[in-house]
Amino acid sequence: SEYLIHFIKIAEARKTTMGHITSEHLQDSHIILPPANIIKNFSEYVRP
């Protein structure tokens, strides 16, 4: 959801409408990969 905002912002900056997202868009994305213990703890917070 967070990265989707990034895609939309790119489209708005170019003043165009992004018709679709391709596998290349996903492959070219850049995200943070937290370690397993952080993901586990976070999930326990938000799961309820």
All heavy atoms as atom14 arrays in JSON, in Angstrom:
{
  "sequence": "SEYLIHFIKIAEARKTTMGHITSEHLQDSHIILPPANIIKNFSEYVRP",
  "atom14_mask": [
    [1, 1, 1, 1, 1, 1, 0, 0, 0, 0, 0, 0, 0, 0],
    [1, 1, 1, 1, 1, 1, 1, 1, 1, 0, 0, 0, 0, 0],
    [1, 1, 1, 1, 1, 1, 1, 1, 1, 1, 1, 1, 0, 0],
    [1, 1, 1, 1, 1, 1, 1, 1, 0, 0, 0, 0, 0, 0],
    [1, 1, 1, 1, 1, 1, 1, 1, 0, 0, 0, 0, 0, 0],
    [1, 1, 1, 1, 1, 1, 1, 1, 1, 1, 0, 0, 0, 0],
    [1, 1, 1, 1, 1, 1, 1, 1, 1, 1, 1, 0, 0, 0],
    [1, 1, 1, 1, 1, 1, 1, 1, 0, 0, 0, 0, 0, 0],
    [1, 1, 1, 1, 1, 1, 1, 1, 1, 0, 0, 0, 0, 0],
    [1, 1, 1, 1, 1, 1, 1, 1, 0, 0, 0, 0, 0, 0],
    [1, 1, 1, 1, 1, 0, 0, 0, 0, 0, 0, 0, 0, 0],
    [1, 1, 1, 1, 1, 1, 1, 1, 1, 0, 0, 0, 0, 0],
    [1, 1, 1, 1, 1, 0, 0, 0, 0, 0, 0, 0, 0, 0],
    [1, 1, 1, 1, 1, 1, 1, 1, 1, 1, 1, 0, 0, 0],
    [1, 1, 1, 1, 1, 1, 1, 1, 1, 0, 0, 0, 0, 0],
    [1, 1, 1, 1, 1, 1, 1, 0, 0, 0, 0, 0, 0, 0],
    [1, 1, 1, 1, 1, 1, 1, 0, 0, 0, 0, 0, 0, 0],
    [1, 1, 1, 1, 1, 1, 1, 1, 0, 0, 0, 0, 0, 0],
    [1, 1, 1, 1, 0, 0, 0, 0, 0, 0, 0, 0, 0, 0],
    [1, 1, 1, 1, 1, 1, 1, 1, 1, 1, 0, 0, 0, 0],
    [1, 1, 1, 1, 1, 1, 1, 1, 0, 0, 0, 0, 0, 0],
    [1, 1, 1, 1, 1, 1, 1, 0, 0, 0, 0, 0, 0, 0],
    [1, 1, 1, 1, 1, 1, 0, 0, 0, 0, 0, 0, 0, 0],
    [1, 1, 1, 1, 1, 1, 1, 1, 1, 0, 0, 0, 0, 0],
    [1, 1, 1, 1, 1, 1, 1, 1, 1, 1, 0, 0, 0, 0],
    [1, 1, 1, 1, 1, 1, 1, 1, 0, 0, 0, 0, 0, 0],
    [1, 1, 1, 1, 1, 1, 1, 1, 1, 0, 0, 0, 0, 0],
    [1, 1, 1, 1, 1, 1, 1, 1, 0, 0, 0, 0, 0, 0],
    [1, 1, 1, 1, 1, 1, 0, 0, 0, 0, 0, 0, 0, 0],
    [1, 1, 1, 1, 1, 1, 1, 1, 1, 1, 0, 0, 0, 0],
    [1, 1, 1, 1, 1, 1, 1, 1, 0, 0, 0, 0, 0, 0],
    [1, 1, 1, 1, 1, 1, 1, 1, 0, 0, 0, 0, 0, 0],
    [1, 1, 1, 1, 1, 1, 1, 1, 0, 0, 0, 0, 0, 0],
    [1, 1, 1, 1, 1, 1, 1, 0, 0, 0, 0, 0, 0, 0],
    [1, 1, 1, 1, 1, 1, 1, 0, 0, 0, 0, 0, 0, 0],
    [1, 1, 1, 1, 1, 0, 0, 0, 0, 0, 0, 0, 0, 0],
    [1, 1, 1, 1, 1, 1, 1, 1, 0, 0, 0, 0, 0, 0],
    [1, 1, 1, 1, 1, 1, 1, 1, 0, 0, 0, 0, 0, 0],
    [1, 1, 1, 1, 1, 1, 1, 1, 0, 0, 0, 0, 0, 0],
    [1, 1, 1, 1, 1, 1, 1, 1, 1, 0, 0, 0, 0, 0],
    [1, 1, 1, 1, 1, 1, 1, 1, 0, 0, 0, 0, 0, 0],
    [1, 1, 1, 1, 1, 1, 1, 1, 1, 1, 1, 0, 0, 0],
    [1, 1, 1, 1, 1, 1, 0, 0, 0, 0, 0, 0, 0, 0],
    [1, 1, 1, 1, 1, 1, 1, 1, 1, 0, 0, 0, 0, 0],
    [1, 1, 1, 1, 1, 1, 1, 1, 1, 1, 1, 1, 0, 0],
    [1, 1, 1, 1, 1, 1, 1, 0, 0, 0, 0, 0, 0, 0],
    [1, 1, 1, 1, 1, 1, 1, 1, 1, 1, 1, 0, 0, 0],
    [1, 1, 1, 1, 1, 1, 1, 0, 0, 0, 0, 0, 0, 0]
  ],
  "atom14_positions": [
    [[0.84, -1.21, 0.0], [0.0, 0.0, 0.0], [0.87, 1.25, 0.0], [0.58, 2.23, -0.69], [-0.92, 0.02, 1.22], [-1.81, -1.07, 1.21], [0.0, 0.0, 0.0], [0.0, 0.0, 0.0], [0.0, 0.0, 0.0], [0.0, 0.0, 0.0], [0.0, 0.0, 0.0], [0.0, 0.0, 0.0], [0.0, 0.0, 0.0], [0.0, 0.0, 0.0]],
    [[1.92, 1.23, 0.79], [2.84, 2.36, 0.86], [3.53, 2.58, -0.47], [3.66, 3.72, -0.94], [3.88, 2.11, 1.96], [4.94, 3.19, 2.1], [4.4, 4.47, 2.72], [3.35, 4.42, 3.38], [5.05, 5.52, 2.52], [0.0, 0.0, 0.0], [0.0, 0.0, 0.0], [0.0, 0.0, 0.0], [0.0, 0.0, 0.0], [0.0, 0.0, 0.0]],
    [[3.95, 1.5, -1.12], [4.67, 1.66, -2.39], [3.73, 2.03, -3.53], [4.13, 2.66, -4.5], [5.45, 0.39, -2.75], [6.64, 0.71, -3.61], [7.84, 1.1, -3.02], [6.56, 0.69, -4.99], [8.93, 1.44, -3.8], [7.65, 1.03, -5.78], [8.83, 1.41, -5.17], [9.9, 1.77, -5.95], [0.0, 0.0, 0.0], [0.0, 0.0, 0.0]],
    [[2.47, 1.66, -3.41], [1.49, 2.04, -4.42], [1.39, 3.56, -4.51], [1.24, 4.12, -5.6], [0.12, 1.44, -4.06], [-0.94, 1.47, -5.16], [-0.51, 0.63, -6.35], [-2.27, 0.98, -4.62], [0.0, 0.0, 0.0], [0.0, 0.0, 0.0], [0.0, 0.0, 0.0], [0.0, 0.0, 0.0], [0.0, 0.0, 0.0], [0.0, 0.0, 0.0]],
    [[1.47, 4.21, -3.36], [1.48, 5.67, -3.33], [2.66, 6.19, -4.15], [2.55, 7.2, -4.86], [1.54, 6.18, -1.88], [0.29, 5.74, -1.11], [1.7, 7.69, -1.83], [0.36, 5.98, 0.38], [0.0, 0.0, 0.0], [0.0, 0.0, 0.0], [0.0, 0.0, 0.0], [0.0, 0.0, 0.0], [0.0, 0.0, 0.0], [0.0, 0.0, 0.0]],
    [[3.79, 5.5, -4.06], [4.98, 5.89, -4.83], [4.71, 5.79, -6.33], [5.06, 6.69, -7.09], [6.15, 4.99, -4.44], [7.4, 5.23, -5.22], [8.17, 6.35, -5.04], [8.0, 4.5, -6.2], [9.21, 6.31, -5.87], [9.13, 5.19, -6.58], [0.0, 0.0, 0.0], [0.0, 0.0, 0.0], [0.0, 0.0, 0.0], [0.0, 0.0, 0.0]],
    [[4.07, 4.71, -6.78], [3.72, 4.56, -8.19], [2.82, 5.71, -8.65], [3.01, 6.28, -9.73], [3.01, 3.23, -8.44], [3.92, 2.04, -8.5], [3.63, 0.9, -7.77], [5.06, 2.04, -9.29], [4.45, -0.21, -7.82], [5.89, 0.94, -9.36], [5.59, -0.2, -8.62], [0.0, 0.0, 0.0], [0.0, 0.0, 0.0], [0.0, 0.0, 0.0]],
    [[1.82, 6.02, -7.85], [0.86, 7.07, -8.22], [1.56, 8.42, -8.3], [1.3, 9.23, -9.2], [-0.31, 7.1, -7.22], [-1.13, 5.81, -7.34], [-1.19, 8.32, -7.46], [-2.17, 5.63, -6.26], [0.0, 0.0, 0.0], [0.0, 0.0, 0.0], [0.0, 0.0, 0.0], [0.0, 0.0, 0.0], [0.0, 0.0, 0.0], [0.0, 0.0, 0.0]],
    [[2.47, 8.69, -7.37], [3.2, 9.95, -7.38], [4.06, 10.09, -8.63], [4.19, 11.17, -9.2], [4.06, 10.07, -6.12], [3.27, 10.42, -4.87], [4.18, 10.56, -3.67], [3.39, 10.94, -2.42], [4.26, 11.05, -1.23], [0.0, 0.0, 0.0], [0.0, 0.0, 0.0], [0.0, 0.0, 0.0], [0.0, 0.0, 0.0], [0.0, 0.0, 0.0]],
    [[4.67, 8.99, -9.06], [5.46, 9.01, -10.29], [4.58, 9.39, -11.47], [4.94, 10.22, -12.32], [6.12, 7.64, -10.54], [7.22, 7.39, -9.5], [6.7, 7.56, -11.96], [7.84, 6.01, -9.59], [0.0, 0.0, 0.0], [0.0, 0.0, 0.0], [0.0, 0.0, 0.0], [0.0, 0.0, 0.0], [0.0, 0.0, 0.0], [0.0, 0.0, 0.0]],
    [[3.38, 8.78, -11.53], [2.45, 9.07, -12.62], [2.03, 10.54, -12.6], [1.96, 11.19, -13.65], [1.24, 8.15, -12.51], [0.0, 0.0, 0.0], [0.0, 0.0, 0.0], [0.0, 0.0, 0.0], [0.0, 0.0, 0.0], [0.0, 0.0, 0.0], [0.0, 0.0, 0.0], [0.0, 0.0, 0.0], [0.0, 0.0, 0.0], [0.0, 0.0, 0.0]],
    [[1.75, 11.07, -11.4], [1.33, 12.46, -11.29], [2.45, 13.42, -11.68], [2.21, 14.43, -12.33], [0.87, 12.76, -9.87], [-0.45, 12.08, -9.5], [-0.82, 12.3, -8.05], [0.06, 12.75, -7.28], [-1.97, 12.0, -7.69], [0.0, 0.0, 0.0], [0.0, 0.0, 0.0], [0.0, 0.0, 0.0], [0.0, 0.0, 0.0], [0.0, 0.0, 0.0]],
    [[3.68, 13.06, -11.32], [4.83, 13.92, -11.64], [5.03, 14.02, -13.15], [5.47, 15.05, -13.67], [6.09, 13.38, -10.98], [0.0, 0.0, 0.0], [0.0, 0.0, 0.0], [0.0, 0.0, 0.0], [0.0, 0.0, 0.0], [0.0, 0.0, 0.0], [0.0, 0.0, 0.0], [0.0, 0.0, 0.0], [0.0, 0.0, 0.0], [0.0, 0.0, 0.0]],
    [[4.69, 12.95, -13.86], [4.82, 12.93, -15.32], [3.58, 13.49, -16.0], [3.53, 13.54, -17.23], [5.07, 11.5, -15.8], [6.4, 10.92, -15.33], [6.51, 9.46, -15.72], [7.78, 8.89, -15.29], [8.08, 7.59, -15.37], [7.18, 6.75, -15.84], [9.24, 7.16, -14.97], [0.0, 0.0, 0.0], [0.0, 0.0, 0.0], [0.0, 0.0, 0.0]],
    [[2.56, 13.86, -15.19], [1.29, 14.36, -15.73], [0.64, 13.36, -16.66], [0.03, 13.71, -17.67], [1.51, 15.69, -16.47], [2.12, 16.77, -15.61], [1.21, 17.14, -14.45], [1.81, 18.24, -13.6], [1.03, 18.56, -12.4], [0.0, 0.0, 0.0], [0.0, 0.0, 0.0], [0.0, 0.0, 0.0], [0.0, 0.0, 0.0], [0.0, 0.0, 0.0]],
    [[0.78, 12.07, -16.34], [0.16, 11.03, -17.14], [-0.58, 10.09, -16.21], [-0.43, 10.13, -15.0], [1.2, 10.21, -17.93], [2.1, 9.59, -17.01], [1.98, 11.09, -18.89], [0.0, 0.0, 0.0], [0.0, 0.0, 0.0], [0.0, 0.0, 0.0], [0.0, 0.0, 0.0], [0.0, 0.0, 0.0], [0.0, 0.0, 0.0], [0.0, 0.0, 0.0]],
    [[-1.4, 9.22, -16.79], [-2.09, 8.19, -16.02], [-1.41, 6.86, -16.27], [-1.3, 6.42, -17.41], [-3.57, 8.09, -16.44], [-4.2, 9.34, -16.19], [-4.27, 7.01, -15.64], [0.0, 0.0, 0.0], [0.0, 0.0, 0.0], [0.0, 0.0, 0.0], [0.0, 0.0, 0.0], [0.0, 0.0, 0.0], [0.0, 0.0, 0.0], [0.0, 0.0, 0.0]],
    [[-0.91, 6.23, -15.22], [-0.27, 4.94, -15.37], [-1.35, 3.89, -15.62], [-2.15, 3.59, -14.75], [0.53, 4.61, -14.12], [1.31, 3.31, -14.23], [2.36, 3.02, -12.78], [3.59, 4.29, -13.03], [0.0, 0.0, 0.0], [0.0, 0.0, 0.0], [0.0, 0.0, 0.0], [0.0, 0.0, 0.0], [0.0, 0.0, 0.0], [0.0, 0.0, 0.0]],
    [[-1.38, 3.35, -16.84], [-2.43, 2.42, -17.19], [-2.36, 1.12, -16.42], [-3.38, 0.56, -16.05], [0.0, 0.0, 0.0], [0.0, 0.0, 0.0], [0.0, 0.0, 0.0], [0.0, 0.0, 0.0], [0.0, 0.0, 0.0], [0.0, 0.0, 0.0], [0.0, 0.0, 0.0], [0.0, 0.0, 0.0], [0.0, 0.0, 0.0], [0.0, 0.0, 0.0]],
    [[-1.15, 0.62, -16.21], [-1.02, -0.63, -15.48], [0.39, -0.78, -14.92], [1.31, -0.07, -15.33], [-1.36, -1.81, -16.39], [-0.47, -1.92, -17.59], [-0.71, -1.22, -18.74], [0.67, -2.63, -17.8], [0.23, -1.52, -19.63], [1.08, -2.35, -19.09], [0.0, 0.0, 0.0], [0.0, 0.0, 0.0], [0.0, 0.0, 0.0], [0.0, 0.0, 0.0]],
    [[0.51, -1.7, -13.98], [1.8, -2.0, -13.37], [2.3, -3.32, -13.93], [1.55, -4.3, -13.95], [1.69, -2.07, -11.84], [1.41, -0.67, -11.29], [2.97, -2.61, -11.21], [1.18, -0.65, -9.8], [0.0, 0.0, 0.0], [0.0, 0.0, 0.0], [0.0, 0.0, 0.0], [0.0, 0.0, 0.0], [0.0, 0.0, 0.0], [0.0, 0.0, 0.0]],
    [[3.52, -3.36, -14.38], [4.1, -4.56, -14.96], [5.05, -5.23, -13.96], [5.39, -4.67, -12.91], [4.88, -4.22, -16.24], [6.02, -3.42, -15.88], [4.0, -3.45, -17.22], [0.0, 0.0, 0.0], [0.0, 0.0, 0.0], [0.0, 0.0, 0.0], [0.0, 0.0, 0.0], [0.0, 0.0, 0.0], [0.0, 0.0, 0.0], [0.0, 0.0, 0.0]],
    [[5.49, -6.43, -14.33], [6.47, -7.13, -13.49], [7.76, -6.33, -13.39], [8.47, -6.4, -12.38], [6.74, -8.52, -14.06], [7.21, -8.44, -15.39], [0.0, 0.0, 0.0], [0.0, 0.0, 0.0], [0.0, 0.0, 0.0], [0.0, 0.0, 0.0], [0.0, 0.0, 0.0], [0.0, 0.0, 0.0], [0.0, 0.0, 0.0], [0.0, 0.0, 0.0]],
    [[8.06, -5.54, -14.45], [9.26, -4.71, -14.42], [9.16, -3.63, -13.34], [10.15, -3.32, -12.67], [9.5, -4.06, -15.79], [10.01, -5.0, -16.87], [8.94, -5.93, -17.41], [7.72, -5.62, -17.22], [9.29, -6.96, -18.01], [0.0, 0.0, 0.0], [0.0, 0.0, 0.0], [0.0, 0.0, 0.0], [0.0, 0.0, 0.0], [0.0, 0.0, 0.0]],
    [[7.95, -3.06, -13.19], [7.76, -2.07, -12.13], [8.02, -2.68, -10.76], [8.66, -2.06, -9.9], [6.34, -1.51, -12.17], [6.06, -0.6, -13.32], [5.15, -0.88, -14.29], [6.61, 0.59, -13.66], [5.11, 0.1, -15.17], [6.0, 0.99, -14.81], [0.0, 0.0, 0.0], [0.0, 0.0, 0.0], [0.0, 0.0, 0.0], [0.0, 0.0, 0.0]],
    [[7.53, -3.9, -10.55], [7.73, -4.57, -9.27], [9.21, -4.9, -9.07], [9.75, -4.76, -7.97], [6.89, -5.85, -9.21], [5.37, -5.66, -9.31], [4.68, -7.02, -9.43], [4.84, -4.9, -8.11], [0.0, 0.0, 0.0], [0.0, 0.0, 0.0], [0.0, 0.0, 0.0], [0.0, 0.0, 0.0], [0.0, 0.0, 0.0], [0.0, 0.0, 0.0]],
    [[9.86, -5.34, -10.14], [11.26, -5.71, -10.07], [12.14, -4.49, -9.8], [13.15, -4.58, -9.07], [11.7, -6.38, -11.38], [13.04, -7.09, -11.31], [12.97, -8.37, -10.5], [12.1, -9.18, -10.7], [13.91, -8.53, -9.57], [0.0, 0.0, 0.0], [0.0, 0.0, 0.0], [0.0, 0.0, 0.0], [0.0, 0.0, 0.0], [0.0, 0.0, 0.0]],
    [[11.75, -3.34, -10.36], [12.55, -2.13, -10.21], [12.27, -1.36, -8.93], [12.88, -0.32, -8.68], [12.3, -1.2, -11.41], [12.86, -1.77, -12.71], [13.72, -2.67, -12.64], [12.42, -1.32, -13.78], [0.0, 0.0, 0.0], [0.0, 0.0, 0.0], [0.0, 0.0, 0.0], [0.0, 0.0, 0.0], [0.0, 0.0, 0.0], [0.0, 0.0, 0.0]],
    [[11.34, -1.85, -8.13], [11.02, -1.16, -6.88], [12.17, -1.28, -5.89], [12.98, -2.2, -5.96], [9.74, -1.76, -6.27], [9.92, -3.14, -5.98], [0.0, 0.0, 0.0], [0.0, 0.0, 0.0], [0.0, 0.0, 0.0], [0.0, 0.0, 0.0], [0.0, 0.0, 0.0], [0.0, 0.0, 0.0], [0.0, 0.0, 0.0], [0.0, 0.0, 0.0]],
    [[12.21, -0.35, -4.97], [13.23, -0.36, -3.92], [12.54, -0.21, -2.58], [11.91, 0.81, -2.3], [14.23, 0.78, -4.13], [15.02, 0.68, -5.39], [16.06, -0.21, -5.55], [14.9, 1.35, -6.57], [16.56, -0.09, -6.77], [15.88, 0.86, -7.41], [0.0, 0.0, 0.0], [0.0, 0.0, 0.0], [0.0, 0.0, 0.0], [0.0, 0.0, 0.0]],
    [[12.67, -1.22, -1.74], [12.02, -1.21, -0.43], [12.99, -1.67, 0.66], [14.01, -2.3, 0.38], [10.76, -2.1, -0.4], [11.14, -3.57, -0.63], [9.73, -1.62, -1.41], [9.97, -4.53, -0.4], [0.0, 0.0, 0.0], [0.0, 0.0, 0.0], [0.0, 0.0, 0.0], [0.0, 0.0, 0.0], [0.0, 0.0, 0.0], [0.0, 0.0, 0.0]],
    [[12.62, -1.38, 1.89], [13.38, -1.83, 3.05], [12.95, -3.24, 3.42], [11.77, -3.58, 3.36], [13.14, -0.88, 4.24], [13.72, 0.51, 3.93], [13.75, -1.42, 5.52], [13.31, 1.56, 4.94], [0.0, 0.0, 0.0], [0.0, 0.0, 0.0], [0.0, 0.0, 0.0], [0.0, 0.0, 0.0], [0.0, 0.0, 0.0], [0.0, 0.0, 0.0]],
    [[13.92, -4.07, 3.78], [13.63, -5.44, 4.24], [14.07, -5.58, 5.7], [15.24, -5.86, 5.98], [14.36, -6.47, 3.36], [14.03, -6.45, 1.86], [14.87, -7.49, 1.13], [12.55, -6.7, 1.63], [0.0, 0.0, 0.0], [0.0, 0.0, 0.0], [0.0, 0.0, 0.0], [0.0, 0.0, 0.0], [0.0, 0.0, 0.0], [0.0, 0.0, 0.0]],
    [[13.16, -5.38, 6.64], [13.51, -5.52, 8.05], [13.78, -6.98, 8.4], [13.31, -7.9, 7.73], [12.25, -5.01, 8.78], [11.47, -4.27, 7.74], [11.77, -4.94, 6.45], [0.0, 0.0, 0.0], [0.0, 0.0, 0.0], [0.0, 0.0, 0.0], [0.0, 0.0, 0.0], [0.0, 0.0, 0.0], [0.0, 0.0, 0.0], [0.0, 0.0, 0.0]],
    [[14.51, -7.24, 9.47], [14.78, -8.62, 9.89], [13.52, -9.31, 10.42], [12.53, -8.66, 10.77], [15.84, -8.47, 10.98], [15.72, -7.06, 11.45], [15.23, -6.25, 10.28], [0.0, 0.0, 0.0], [0.0, 0.0, 0.0], [0.0, 0.0, 0.0], [0.0, 0.0, 0.0], [0.0, 0.0, 0.0], [0.0, 0.0, 0.0], [0.0, 0.0, 0.0]],
    [[13.59, -10.63, 10.53], [12.43, -11.45, 10.87], [11.83, -11.09, 12.23], [10.6, -11.06, 12.39], [12.81, -12.93, 10.84], [0.0, 0.0, 0.0], [0.0, 0.0, 0.0], [0.0, 0.0, 0.0], [0.0, 0.0, 0.0], [0.0, 0.0, 0.0], [0.0, 0.0, 0.0], [0.0, 0.0, 0.0], [0.0, 0.0, 0.0], [0.0, 0.0, 0.0]],
    [[12.68, -10.82, 13.22], [12.14, -10.54, 14.56], [11.33, -9.24, 14.59], [10.33, -9.13, 15.31], [13.27, -10.49, 15.59], [14.22, -9.32, 15.37], [14.77, -9.15, 14.27], [14.43, -8.51, 16.4], [0.0, 0.0, 0.0], [0.0, 0.0, 0.0], [0.0, 0.0, 0.0], [0.0, 0.0, 0.0], [0.0, 0.0, 0.0], [0.0, 0.0, 0.0]],
    [[11.72, -8.26, 13.78], [10.98, -7.0, 13.71], [9.61, -7.24, 13.05], [8.59, -6.73, 13.52], [11.78, -5.94, 12.93], [13.12, -5.65, 13.63], [10.95, -4.66, 12.76], [12.97, -5.01, 14.99], [0.0, 0.0, 0.0], [0.0, 0.0, 0.0], [0.0, 0.0, 0.0], [0.0, 0.0, 0.0], [0.0, 0.0, 0.0], [0.0, 0.0, 0.0]],
    [[9.61, -8.02, 11.97], [8.34, -8.33, 11.28], [7.41, -9.08, 12.23], [6.2, -8.79, 12.32], [8.6, -9.17, 10.02], [9.44, -8.38, 9.01], [7.29, -9.63, 9.4], [8.75, -7.14, 8.47], [0.0, 0.0, 0.0], [0.0, 0.0, 0.0], [0.0, 0.0, 0.0], [0.0, 0.0, 0.0], [0.0, 0.0, 0.0], [0.0, 0.0, 0.0]],
    [[7.95, -10.04, 12.97], [7.14, -10.83, 13.91], [6.52, -9.93, 14.97], [5.31, -10.02, 15.27], [8.01, -11.9, 14.57], [7.28, -12.79, 15.58], [8.23, -13.87, 16.12], [7.52, -14.75, 17.14], [7.17, -14.0, 18.38], [0.0, 0.0, 0.0], [0.0, 0.0, 0.0], [0.0, 0.0, 0.0], [0.0, 0.0, 0.0], [0.0, 0.0, 0.0]],
    [[7.33, -9.05, 15.56], [6.82, -8.17, 16.62], [5.77, -7.19, 16.09], [4.75, -6.95, 16.73], [7.98, -7.41, 17.27], [8.92, -8.31, 18.04], [8.54, -9.42, 18.42], [10.14, -7.87, 18.26], [0.0, 0.0, 0.0], [0.0, 0.0, 0.0], [0.0, 0.0, 0.0], [0.0, 0.0, 0.0], [0.0, 0.0, 0.0], [0.0, 0.0, 0.0]],
    [[6.04, -6.64, 14.91], [5.09, -5.71, 14.31], [3.76, -6.39, 14.03], [2.69, -5.84, 14.31], [5.67, -5.14, 13.02], [4.7, -4.27, 12.25], [4.38, -3.0, 12.7], [4.08, -4.74, 11.1], [3.48, -2.21, 12.0], [3.18, -3.96, 10.4], [2.88, -2.68, 10.85], [0.0, 0.0, 0.0], [0.0, 0.0, 0.0], [0.0, 0.0, 0.0]],
    [[3.82, -7.6, 13.48], [2.6, -8.32, 13.14], [1.76, -8.62, 14.37], [0.52, -8.6, 14.33], [2.94, -9.62, 12.4], [3.66, -9.34, 11.21], [0.0, 0.0, 0.0], [0.0, 0.0, 0.0], [0.0, 0.0, 0.0], [0.0, 0.0, 0.0], [0.0, 0.0, 0.0], [0.0, 0.0, 0.0], [0.0, 0.0, 0.0], [0.0, 0.0, 0.0]],
    [[2.42, -8.9, 15.49], [1.68, -9.14, 16.74], [0.96, -7.88, 17.21], [-0.1, -7.96, 17.84], [2.65, -9.65, 17.81], [3.13, -11.08, 17.54], [4.18, -11.53, 18.54], [4.61, -10.7, 19.38], [4.58, -12.72, 18.48], [0.0, 0.0, 0.0], [0.0, 0.0, 0.0], [0.0, 0.0, 0.0], [0.0, 0.0, 0.0], [0.0, 0.0, 0.0]],
    [[1.51, -6.71, 16.89], [0.86, -5.45, 17.24], [-0.38, -5.2, 16.38], [-1.43, -4.78, 16.9], [1.84, -4.28, 17.05], [2.63, -3.91, 18.28], [3.88, -4.47, 18.5], [2.16, -2.98, 19.19], [4.64, -4.13, 19.62], [2.9, -2.63, 20.31], [4.14, -3.21, 20.52], [4.88, -2.87, 21.63], [0.0, 0.0, 0.0], [0.0, 0.0, 0.0]],
    [[-0.25, -5.4, 15.08], [-1.32, -4.98, 14.17], [-2.35, -6.06, 13.88], [-3.45, -5.76, 13.41], [-0.75, -4.44, 12.83], [0.13, -3.23, 13.06], [0.0, -5.53, 12.07], [0.0, 0.0, 0.0], [0.0, 0.0, 0.0], [0.0, 0.0, 0.0], [0.0, 0.0, 0.0], [0.0, 0.0, 0.0], [0.0, 0.0, 0.0], [0.0, 0.0, 0.0]],
    [[-2.01, -7.33, 14.14], [-2.95, -8.42, 13.79], [-4.31, -8.24, 14.45], [-5.34, -8.46, 13.79], [-2.33, -9.77, 14.13], [-3.14, -10.96, 13.6], [-2.3, -12.21, 13.54], [-1.26, -12.09, 12.54], [0.01, -12.45, 12.72], [0.4, -12.93, 13.9], [0.89, -12.32, 11.75], [0.0, 0.0, 0.0], [0.0, 0.0, 0.0], [0.0, 0.0, 0.0]],
    [[-4.37, -7.86, 15.75], [-5.71, -7.65, 16.35], [-6.53, -6.58, 15.63], [-7.76, -6.68, 15.58], [-5.39, -7.22, 17.78], [-4.04, -7.81, 18.06], [-3.31, -7.73, 16.77], [0.0, 0.0, 0.0], [0.0, 0.0, 0.0], [0.0, 0.0, 0.0], [0.0, 0.0, 0.0], [0.0, 0.0, 0.0], [0.0, 0.0, 0.0], [0.0, 0.0, 0.0]]
  ]
}
